Amino acid sequence: MTSTDATSRARFDVRQFASTARGNLRPELHLEGYEGAQLSADAVHLLRYLGRLESATMEQLRNLLVTATHKDARVTAFLVTWAFEKFWIADAIDQILVANGSTGAQVGDEGAPRADRSESAERRGPIRRAILAMGQGVPLTGVHMTAGLIDEWVMATAYERLDAVAGHPTLSATLDTIRDIKSRHELFFAEEARRRLAESSKTVKQATSQLAHAAWPIGAVDRSDADRTFFEQTVFGGADGLQRATTIGNRVAELPGLTPQTGDAVARKLRS
């Protein structure tokens, strides 16, 4: 597609997105469907992990908005509604967990996080992030958009895997709703990431550097090593999981300016 073709396409309508945001999903959960037909232990475990990730949105938002990204009004407007929708996705997951005899995703001690020195940059607090971001400038917003897009791909894959592991019609209906909500998030991140990567070699350079060591999904660096290992083995383990990771890696490599080496690095981290 030429640059003329790309610019002629209608941009993601942030105003329309905000005005049609999905809020409380509780009336649509049909929790009675779990009575006498509860989710398996593995399905509950995976659902809890995804719930923890969805509910960590405010931490992600804080990390983004201490950088130059907060100066982009369009991106910031999107992120406010994005955070709102993810809050209600996390709330829906909590209701399902309770209906299956578990506790909410944020309840209880997770255990020790993984000791991986290559991920130290992702453990920076907001003050260090703000100071370091001063030298990265506007291109960092493109990196955030690229990471957001990859995260949507990883989470979509995880929800598909959860659906297969659970094999539960009530949960499947809810997951369809969640995937529909998140599909709009992916559209925005895809549009912004591709445009910014295509327009800026600095964005490509920064993205290449940061993606090589990023933990996936976003927020995984703060989760326990045991839960991360379970997630990696359940979603990306075995021959089928390798194919899922490779597919995501290939999609990364197809982004403007990125390379097969960067895609391979992302795929490896999904299985580490």
C-alpha atoms as a PDB file:
ATOM      1  CA  MET A   1       0.000   0.000   0.000  1.00  0.00           C
ATOM      2  CA  THR A   2       1.387   3.441  -0.910  1.00  0.00           C
ATOM      3  CA  SER A   3       1.549   6.321   1.531  1.00  0.00           C
ATOM      4  CA  THR A   4      -1.204   8.024  -0.482  1.00  0.00           C
ATOM      5  CA  ASP A   5      -3.443   4.977  -0.078  1.00  0.00           C
ATOM      6  CA  ALA A   6      -2.726   4.869   3.644  1.00  0.00           C
ATOM      7  CA  THR A   7      -3.547   8.516   4.251  1.00  0.00           C
ATOM      8  CA  SER A   8      -6.708   8.313   2.152  1.00  0.00           C
ATOM      9  CA  ARG A   9      -8.164   5.678   4.451  1.00  0.00           C
ATOM     10  CA  ALA A  10     -10.438   6.922   7.206  1.00  0.00           C
ATOM     11  CA  ARG A  11      -8.559   7.204  10.482  1.00  0.00           C
ATOM     12  CA  PHE A  12      -9.745   5.418  13.582  1.00  0.00           C
ATOM     13  CA  ASP A  13     -12.555   7.547  14.997  1.00  0.00           C
ATOM     14  CA  VAL A  14     -11.531   8.168  18.606  1.00  0.00           C
ATOM     15  CA  ARG A  15     -14.616  10.274  19.313  1.00  0.00           C
ATOM     16  CA  GLN A  16     -16.920   7.500  18.106  1.00  0.00           C
ATOM     17  CA  PHE A  17     -14.903   4.956  20.087  1.00  0.00           C
ATOM     18  CA  ALA A  18     -15.332   6.973  23.279  1.00  0.00           C
ATOM     19  CA  SER A  19     -19.057   7.503  22.719  1.00  0.00           C
ATOM     20  CA  THR A  20     -19.674   3.762  22.230  1.00  0.00           C
ATOM     21  CA  ALA A  21     -17.404   2.441  24.985  1.00  0.00           C
ATOM     22  CA  ARG A  22     -18.474  -0.841  26.577  1.00  0.00           C
ATOM     23  CA  GLY A  23     -18.895  -0.606  30.318  1.00  0.00           C
ATOM     24  CA  ASN A  24     -20.415  -2.997  32.854  1.00  0.00           C
ATOM     25  CA  LEU A  25     -20.586  -6.512  31.370  1.00  0.00           C
ATOM     26  CA  ARG A  26     -22.164  -8.208  34.380  1.00  0.00           C
ATOM     27  CA  PRO A  27     -25.693  -8.449  32.896  1.00  0.00           C
ATOM     28  CA  GLU A  28     -24.261 -10.406  29.947  1.00  0.00           C
ATOM     29  CA  LEU A  29     -22.221 -12.991  31.877  1.00  0.00           C
ATOM     30  CA  HIS A  30     -25.006 -15.570  32.497  1.00  0.00           C
ATOM     31  CA  LEU A  31     -23.200 -16.835  35.590  1.00  0.00           C
ATOM     32  CA  GLU A  32     -25.890 -19.444  36.191  1.00  0.00           C
ATOM     33  CA  GLY A  33     -24.287 -21.346  33.315  1.00  0.00           C
ATOM     34  CA  TYR A  34     -21.434 -22.360  35.626  1.00  0.00           C
ATOM     35  CA  GLU A  35     -23.722 -24.006  38.162  1.00  0.00           C
ATOM     36  CA  GLY A  36     -23.001 -27.707  38.008  1.00  0.00           C
ATOM     37  CA  ALA A  37     -20.580 -27.203  35.098  1.00  0.00           C
ATOM     38  CA  GLN A  38     -17.604 -25.343  36.487  1.00  0.00           C
ATOM     39  CA  LEU A  39     -14.398 -24.484  34.666  1.00  0.00           C
ATOM     40  CA  SER A  40     -11.391 -26.783  34.955  1.00  0.00           C
ATOM     41  CA  ALA A  41      -8.503 -25.869  37.248  1.00  0.00           C
ATOM     42  CA  ASP A  42      -6.285 -24.952  34.282  1.00  0.00           C
ATOM     43  CA  ALA A  43      -8.986 -22.741  32.789  1.00  0.00           C
ATOM     44  CA  VAL A  44      -9.448 -20.943  36.116  1.00  0.00           C
ATOM     45  CA  HIS A  45      -5.680 -20.491  36.465  1.00  0.00           C
ATOM     46  CA  LEU A  46      -5.352 -19.004  32.990  1.00  0.00           C
ATOM     47  CA  LEU A  47      -8.418 -16.819  33.498  1.00  0.00           C
ATOM     48  CA  ARG A  48      -6.986 -15.485  36.776  1.00  0.00           C
ATOM     49  CA  TYR A  49      -3.718 -14.626  35.061  1.00  0.00           C
ATOM     50  CA  LEU A  50      -5.476 -12.776  32.257  1.00  0.00           C
ATOM     51  CA  GLY A  51      -7.610 -10.985  34.833  1.00  0.00           C
ATOM     52  CA  ARG A  52      -4.502  -9.755  36.647  1.00  0.00           C
ATOM     53  CA  LEU A  53      -3.122  -8.410  33.376  1.00  0.00           C
ATOM     54  CA  GLU A  54      -6.365  -6.676  32.403  1.00  0.00           C
ATOM     55  CA  SER A  55      -6.683  -5.096  35.840  1.00  0.00           C
ATOM     56  CA  ALA A  56      -3.151  -3.647  35.732  1.00  0.00           C
ATOM     57  CA  THR A  57      -4.266  -1.003  33.233  1.00  0.00           C
ATOM     58  CA  MET A  58      -3.691   1.958  35.538  1.00  0.00           C
ATOM     59  CA  GLU A  59      -0.065   0.897  36.031  1.00  0.00           C
ATOM     60  CA  GLN A  60       0.362   0.704  32.250  1.00  0.00           C
ATOM     61  CA  LEU A  61      -1.348   4.055  31.787  1.00  0.00           C
ATOM     62  CA  ARG A  62       0.921   5.662  34.381  1.00  0.00           C
ATOM     63  CA  ASN A  63       4.007   4.317  32.623  1.00  0.00           C
ATOM     64  CA  LEU A  64       2.840   5.735  29.296  1.00  0.00           C
ATOM     65  CA  LEU A  65       1.734   9.136  30.528  1.00  0.00           C
ATOM     66  CA  VAL A  66       5.020  10.080  32.247  1.00  0.00           C
ATOM     67  CA  THR A  67       6.555  10.188  28.749  1.00  0.00           C
ATOM     68  CA  ALA A  68       5.993  12.330  25.653  1.00  0.00           C
ATOM     69  CA  THR A  69       2.942  10.180  24.900  1.00  0.00           C
ATOM     70  CA  HIS A  70       0.868  12.322  27.273  1.00  0.00           C
ATOM     71  CA  LYS A  71       1.320  15.285  24.906  1.00  0.00           C
ATOM     72  CA  ASP A  72      -0.483  13.517  22.073  1.00  0.00           C
ATOM     73  CA  ALA A  73      -4.131  14.454  22.610  1.00  0.00           C
ATOM     74  CA  ARG A  74      -5.493  11.825  20.228  1.00  0.00           C
ATOM     75  CA  VAL A  75      -3.542   8.989  21.828  1.00  0.00           C
ATOM     76  CA  THR A  76      -4.416  10.170  25.323  1.00  0.00           C
ATOM     77  CA  ALA A  77      -8.116  10.359  24.448  1.00  0.00           C
ATOM     78  CA  PHE A  78      -7.983   6.800  23.170  1.00  0.00           C
ATOM     79  CA  LEU A  79      -6.122   5.536  26.236  1.00  0.00           C
ATOM     80  CA  VAL A  80      -8.717   6.923  28.649  1.00  0.00           C
ATOM     81  CA  THR A  81     -11.485   4.892  26.996  1.00  0.00           C
ATOM     82  CA  TRP A  82      -9.155   1.905  26.518  1.00  0.00           C
ATOM     83  CA  ALA A  83      -8.502   1.878  30.273  1.00  0.00           C
ATOM     84  CA  PHE A  84     -12.234   2.168  31.005  1.00  0.00           C
ATOM     85  CA  GLU A  85     -13.065  -0.844  28.829  1.00  0.00           C
ATOM     86  CA  LYS A  86     -10.233  -2.927  30.257  1.00  0.00           C
ATOM     87  CA  PHE A  87     -11.431  -2.152  33.785  1.00  0.00           C
ATOM     88  CA  TRP A  88     -14.801  -3.679  32.981  1.00  0.00           C
ATOM     89  CA  ILE A  89     -13.211  -6.669  31.249  1.00  0.00           C
ATOM     90  CA  ALA A  90     -11.244  -7.314  34.448  1.00  0.00           C
ATOM     91  CA  ASP A  91     -14.429  -6.922  36.481  1.00  0.00           C
ATOM     92  CA  ALA A  92     -16.202  -9.487  34.290  1.00  0.00           C
ATOM     93  CA  ILE A  93     -13.348 -11.930  34.765  1.00  0.00           C
ATOM     94  CA  ASP A  94     -13.575 -11.484  38.540  1.00  0.00           C
ATOM     95  CA  GLN A  95     -17.290 -12.316  38.478  1.00  0.00           C
ATOM     96  CA  ILE A  96     -16.625 -15.480  36.475  1.00  0.00           C
ATOM     97  CA  LEU A  97     -13.859 -16.551  38.832  1.00  0.00           C
ATOM     98  CA  VAL A  98     -16.116 -16.137  41.869  1.00  0.00           C
ATOM     99  CA  ALA A  99     -18.897 -18.066  40.122  1.00  0.00           C
ATOM    100  CA  ASN A 100     -16.406 -20.905  39.694  1.00  0.00           C
ATOM    101  CA  GLY A 101     -15.443 -21.069  43.359  1.00  0.00           C
ATOM    102  CA  SER A 102     -12.292 -18.975  43.056  1.00  0.00           C
ATOM    103  CA  THR A 103     -11.397 -15.513  44.261  1.00  0.00           C
ATOM    104  CA  GLY A 104     -10.990 -12.324  42.259  1.00  0.00           C
ATOM    105  CA  ALA A 105      -7.844 -12.045  40.186  1.00  0.00           C
ATOM    106  CA  GLN A 106      -6.254  -9.490  42.518  1.00  0.00           C
ATOM    107  CA  VAL A 107      -6.861 -11.478  45.699  1.00  0.00           C
ATOM    108  CA  GLY A 108      -3.974 -13.410  47.249  1.00  0.00           C
ATOM    109  CA  ASP A 109      -0.193 -13.420  47.031  1.00  0.00           C
ATOM    110  CA  GLU A 110       1.128 -14.301  43.590  1.00  0.00           C
ATOM    111  CA  GLY A 111       4.585 -15.347  44.677  1.00  0.00           C
ATOM    112  CA  ALA A 112       8.033 -14.146  43.660  1.00  0.00           C
ATOM    113  CA  PRO A 113       8.509 -12.546  40.223  1.00  0.00           C
ATOM    114  CA  ARG A 114      10.967 -13.962  37.722  1.00  0.00           C
ATOM    115  CA  ALA A 115      14.581 -12.903  38.181  1.00  0.00           C
ATOM    116  CA  ASP A 116      15.516 -11.900  34.634  1.00  0.00           C
ATOM    117  CA  ARG A 117      18.121  -9.149  34.371  1.00  0.00           C
ATOM    118  CA  SER A 118      17.298  -8.564  30.704  1.00  0.00           C
ATOM    119  CA  GLU A 119      13.866  -7.287  31.805  1.00  0.00           C
ATOM    120  CA  SER A 120      15.206  -4.757  34.318  1.00  0.00           C
ATOM    121  CA  ALA A 121      14.210  -1.819  32.099  1.00  0.00           C
ATOM    122  CA  GLU A 122      10.564  -2.830  32.421  1.00  0.00           C
ATOM    123  CA  ARG A 123      10.765  -2.603  36.224  1.00  0.00           C
ATOM    124  CA  ARG A 124      11.603   1.095  36.183  1.00  0.00           C
ATOM    125  CA  GLY A 125       9.365   3.272  38.308  1.00  0.00           C
ATOM    126  CA  PRO A 126       7.555   6.350  36.966  1.00  0.00           C
ATOM    127  CA  ILE A 127      10.306   8.795  37.983  1.00  0.00           C
ATOM    128  CA  ARG A 128      13.069   6.892  36.193  1.00  0.00           C
ATOM    129  CA  ARG A 129      10.802   6.369  33.202  1.00  0.00           C
ATOM    130  CA  ALA A 130      10.091  10.086  32.998  1.00  0.00           C
ATOM    131  CA  ILE A 131      13.767  11.028  33.199  1.00  0.00           C
ATOM    132  CA  LEU A 132      14.858   8.485  30.601  1.00  0.00           C
ATOM    133  CA  ALA A 133      11.960   9.380  28.310  1.00  0.00           C
ATOM    134  CA  MET A 134      13.221  12.961  28.083  1.00  0.00           C
ATOM    135  CA  GLY A 135      16.006  11.753  25.818  1.00  0.00           C
ATOM    136  CA  GLN A 136      13.710   9.594  23.703  1.00  0.00           C
ATOM    137  CA  GLY A 137      11.118  12.203  22.837  1.00  0.00           C
ATOM    138  CA  VAL A 138       8.169  11.811  20.481  1.00  0.00           C
ATOM    139  CA  PRO A 139       9.440   8.597  18.801  1.00  0.00           C
ATOM    140  CA  LEU A 140       8.756   6.801  22.085  1.00  0.00           C
ATOM    141  CA  THR A 141       5.019   7.221  21.479  1.00  0.00           C
ATOM    142  CA  GLY A 142       5.429   5.045  18.377  1.00  0.00           C
ATOM    143  CA  VAL A 143       7.209   2.445  20.486  1.00  0.00           C
ATOM    144  CA  HIS A 144       4.300   2.457  22.938  1.00  0.00           C
ATOM    145  CA  MET A 145       1.843   1.997  20.087  1.00  0.00           C
ATOM    146  CA  THR A 146       3.890  -0.875  18.654  1.00  0.00           C
ATOM    147  CA  ALA A 147       4.111  -2.586  22.034  1.00  0.00           C
ATOM    148  CA  GLY A 148       0.369  -2.086  22.491  1.00  0.00           C
ATOM    149  CA  LEU A 149      -0.304  -3.754  19.146  1.00  0.00           C
ATOM    150  CA  ILE A 150       1.885  -6.760  19.926  1.00  0.00           C
ATOM    151  CA  ASP A 151       0.241  -7.028  23.340  1.00  0.00           C
ATOM    152  CA  GLU A 152      -3.175  -7.178  21.674  1.00  0.00           C
ATOM    153  CA  TRP A 153      -1.935 -10.019  19.445  1.00  0.00           C
ATOM    154  CA  VAL A 154      -0.592 -11.915  22.449  1.00  0.00           C
ATOM    155  CA  MET A 155      -3.734 -11.425  24.519  1.00  0.00           C
ATOM    156  CA  ALA A 156      -5.983 -12.406  21.620  1.00  0.00           C
ATOM    157  CA  THR A 157      -3.999 -15.621  21.271  1.00  0.00           C
ATOM    158  CA  ALA A 158      -4.294 -16.249  25.007  1.00  0.00           C
ATOM    159  CA  TYR A 159      -8.081 -15.767  24.986  1.00  0.00           C
ATOM    160  CA  GLU A 160      -8.379 -18.162  22.051  1.00  0.00           C
ATOM    161  CA  ARG A 161      -6.321 -20.704  23.988  1.00  0.00           C
ATOM    162  CA  LEU A 162      -8.462 -20.179  27.099  1.00  0.00           C
ATOM    163  CA  ASP A 163     -11.561 -20.863  25.030  1.00  0.00           C
ATOM    164  CA  ALA A 164     -10.045 -24.137  23.831  1.00  0.00           C
ATOM    165  CA  VAL A 165      -8.826 -25.189  27.298  1.00  0.00           C
ATOM    166  CA  ALA A 166     -12.169 -24.426  28.960  1.00  0.00           C
ATOM    167  CA  GLY A 167     -14.504 -25.801  26.301  1.00  0.00           C
ATOM    168  CA  HIS A 168     -17.387 -24.110  28.107  1.00  0.00           C
ATOM    169  CA  PRO A 169     -20.246 -22.503  26.126  1.00  0.00           C
ATOM    170  CA  THR A 170     -21.036 -19.859  28.742  1.00  0.00           C
ATOM    171  CA  LEU A 171     -17.431 -18.736  28.915  1.00  0.00           C
ATOM    172  CA  SER A 172     -17.143 -18.864  25.115  1.00  0.00           C
ATOM    173  CA  ALA A 173     -19.980 -16.356  24.784  1.00  0.00           C
ATOM    174  CA  THR A 174     -18.276 -13.978  27.208  1.00  0.00           C
ATOM    175  CA  LEU A 175     -14.925 -14.391  25.473  1.00  0.00           C
ATOM    176  CA  ASP A 176     -16.602 -13.462  22.177  1.00  0.00           C
ATOM    177  CA  THR A 177     -17.722 -10.220  23.799  1.00  0.00           C
ATOM    178  CA  ILE A 178     -14.254  -9.536  25.219  1.00  0.00           C
ATOM    179  CA  ARG A 179     -12.595 -10.221  21.882  1.00  0.00           C
ATOM    180  CA  ASP A 180     -15.053  -7.905  20.150  1.00  0.00           C
ATOM    181  CA  ILE A 181     -14.215  -5.116  22.612  1.00  0.00           C
ATOM    182  CA  LYS A 182     -10.486  -5.659  22.256  1.00  0.00           C
ATOM    183  CA  SER A 183     -10.649  -5.776  18.456  1.00  0.00           C
ATOM    184  CA  ARG A 184     -11.138  -2.009  18.421  1.00  0.00           C
ATOM    185  CA  HIS A 185      -8.097  -1.578  20.663  1.00  0.00           C
ATOM    186  CA  GLU A 186      -6.058  -3.553  18.149  1.00  0.00           C
ATOM    187  CA  LEU A 187      -7.303  -1.397  15.265  1.00  0.00           C
ATOM    188  CA  PHE A 188      -6.128   1.793  16.933  1.00  0.00           C
ATOM    189  CA  PHE A 189      -2.735   0.442  17.953  1.00  0.00           C
ATOM    190  CA  ALA A 190      -2.204  -1.043  14.479  1.00  0.00           C
ATOM    191  CA  GLU A 191      -2.975   2.238  12.735  1.00  0.00           C
ATOM    192  CA  GLU A 192      -0.750   4.288  15.015  1.00  0.00           C
ATOM    193  CA  ALA A 193       2.119   1.793  15.139  1.00  0.00           C
ATOM    194  CA  ARG A 194       2.336   1.298  11.378  1.00  0.00           C
ATOM    195  CA  ARG A 195       2.147   5.014  10.625  1.00  0.00           C
ATOM    196  CA  ARG A 196       4.717   6.023  13.222  1.00  0.00           C
ATOM    197  CA  LEU A 197       7.157   3.255  12.320  1.00  0.00           C
ATOM    198  CA  ALA A 198       6.870   4.145   8.633  1.00  0.00           C
ATOM    199  CA  GLU A 199       7.501   7.821   9.297  1.00  0.00           C
ATOM    200  CA  SER A 200      10.361   7.677  11.793  1.00  0.00           C
ATOM    201  CA  SER A 201      13.643   5.779  11.701  1.00  0.00           C
ATOM    202  CA  LYS A 202      14.144   6.799  15.350  1.00  0.00           C
ATOM    203  CA  THR A 203      10.917   5.040  16.274  1.00  0.00           C
ATOM    204  CA  VAL A 204      12.106   1.920  14.451  1.00  0.00           C
ATOM    205  CA  LYS A 205      15.457   2.047  16.246  1.00  0.00           C
ATOM    206  CA  GLN A 206      13.910   2.481  19.677  1.00  0.00           C
ATOM    207  CA  ALA A 207      11.272  -0.192  19.027  1.00  0.00           C
ATOM    208  CA  THR A 208      13.901  -2.677  17.844  1.00  0.00           C
ATOM    209  CA  SER A 209      15.926  -2.126  21.005  1.00  0.00           C
ATOM    210  CA  GLN A 210      13.027  -2.337  23.439  1.00  0.00           C
ATOM    211  CA  LEU A 211      11.131  -5.214  21.841  1.00  0.00           C
ATOM    212  CA  ALA A 212      14.194  -7.463  22.019  1.00  0.00           C
ATOM    213  CA  HIS A 213      13.886  -7.773  25.799  1.00  0.00           C
ATOM    214  CA  ALA A 214      10.222  -7.038  26.498  1.00  0.00           C
ATOM    215  CA  ALA A 215       8.167  -9.390  28.645  1.00  0.00           C
ATOM    216  CA  TRP A 216       4.826 -10.439  27.157  1.00  0.00           C
ATOM    217  CA  PRO A 217       1.999  -9.783  27.681  1.00  0.00           C
ATOM    218  CA  ILE A 218       2.567  -6.247  28.956  1.00  0.00           C
ATOM    219  CA  GLY A 219       2.590  -6.444  32.743  1.00  0.00           C
ATOM    220  CA  ALA A 220       3.984  -9.974  32.856  1.00  0.00           C
ATOM    221  CA  VAL A 221       7.229  -8.664  34.325  1.00  0.00           C
ATOM    222  CA  ASP A 222       5.342  -7.951  37.576  1.00  0.00           C
ATOM    223  CA  ARG A 223       3.618 -11.313  37.733  1.00  0.00           C
ATOM    224  CA  SER A 224       4.998 -14.318  39.605  1.00  0.00           C
ATOM    225  CA  ASP A 225       7.484 -16.625  37.942  1.00  0.00           C
ATOM    226  CA  ALA A 226       5.177 -19.593  38.565  1.00  0.00           C
ATOM    227  CA  ASP A 227       2.214 -17.913  36.867  1.00  0.00           C
ATOM    228  CA  ARG A 228       4.326 -16.711  33.962  1.00  0.00           C
ATOM    229  CA  THR A 229       5.654 -20.218  33.421  1.00  0.00           C
ATOM    230  CA  PHE A 230       2.135 -21.643  33.490  1.00  0.00           C
ATOM    231  CA  PHE A 231       0.993 -19.043  30.950  1.00  0.00           C
ATOM    232  CA  GLU A 232       3.932 -19.672  28.619  1.00  0.00           C
ATOM    233  CA  GLN A 233       3.486 -23.434  28.738  1.00  0.00           C
ATOM    234  CA  THR A 234      -0.289 -23.303  28.331  1.00  0.00           C
ATOM    235  CA  VAL A 235      -0.452 -20.749  25.521  1.00  0.00           C
ATOM    236  CA  PHE A 236       2.897 -21.148  23.772  1.00  0.00           C
ATOM    237  CA  GLY A 237       4.166 -24.561  24.856  1.00  0.00           C
ATOM    238  CA  GLY A 238       4.542 -27.616  22.597  1.00  0.00           C
ATOM    239  CA  ALA A 239       4.437 -27.727  18.820  1.00  0.00           C
ATOM    240  CA  ASP A 240       1.099 -25.903  18.576  1.00  0.00           C
ATOM    241  CA  GLY A 241       2.298 -23.204  20.952  1.00  0.00           C
ATOM    242  CA  LEU A 242       5.482 -22.775  18.941  1.00  0.00           C
ATOM    243  CA  GLN A 243       3.356 -22.135  15.879  1.00  0.00           C
ATOM    244  CA  ARG A 244       1.303 -19.558  17.758  1.00  0.00           C
ATOM    245  CA  ALA A 245       4.462 -17.761  18.916  1.00  0.00           C
ATOM    246  CA  THR A 246       5.968 -17.928  15.430  1.00  0.00           C
ATOM    247  CA  THR A 247       2.820 -16.428  13.924  1.00  0.00           C
ATOM    248  CA  ILE A 248       3.076 -13.440  16.263  1.00  0.00           C
ATOM    249  CA  GLY A 249       6.786 -13.115  15.538  1.00  0.00           C
ATOM    250  CA  ASN A 250       6.071 -13.075  11.803  1.00  0.00           C
ATOM    251  CA  ARG A 251       3.485 -10.344  12.261  1.00  0.00           C
ATOM    252  CA  VAL A 252       6.032  -8.277  14.180  1.00  0.00           C
ATOM    253  CA  ALA A 253       8.577  -8.720  11.387  1.00  0.00           C
ATOM    254  CA  GLU A 254       6.053  -7.417   8.862  1.00  0.00           C
ATOM    255  CA  LEU A 255       5.666  -4.066  10.637  1.00  0.00           C
ATOM    256  CA  PRO A 256       7.356  -1.122   8.862  1.00  0.00           C
ATOM    257  CA  GLY A 257      11.100  -1.051   9.488  1.00  0.00           C
ATOM    258  CA  LEU A 258      11.178  -4.096  11.745  1.00  0.00           C
ATOM    259  CA  THR A 259      13.056  -7.265  10.837  1.00  0.00           C
ATOM    260  CA  PRO A 260      12.756 -11.049  11.134  1.00  0.00           C
ATOM    261  CA  GLN A 261      15.361 -10.849  13.907  1.00  0.00           C
ATOM    262  CA  THR A 262      13.060  -8.643  15.981  1.00  0.00           C
ATOM    263  CA  GLY A 263      10.142 -10.952  15.270  1.00  0.00           C
ATOM    264  CA  ASP A 264      12.217 -13.957  16.341  1.00  0.00           C
ATOM    265  CA  ALA A 265      13.195 -12.181  19.573  1.00  0.00           C
ATOM    266  CA  VAL A 266       9.534 -11.563  20.426  1.00  0.00           C
ATOM    267  CA  ALA A 267       8.624 -15.173  19.606  1.00  0.00           C
ATOM    268  CA  ARG A 268      11.418 -16.482  21.845  1.00  0.00           C
ATOM    269  CA  LYS A 269      10.303 -14.318  24.773  1.00  0.00           C
ATOM    270  CA  LEU A 270       6.781 -15.677  24.467  1.00  0.00           C
ATOM    271  CA  ARG A 271       8.142 -19.144  25.239  1.00  0.00           C
ATOM    272  CA  SER A 272      10.902 -18.282  27.727  1.00  0.00           C
END
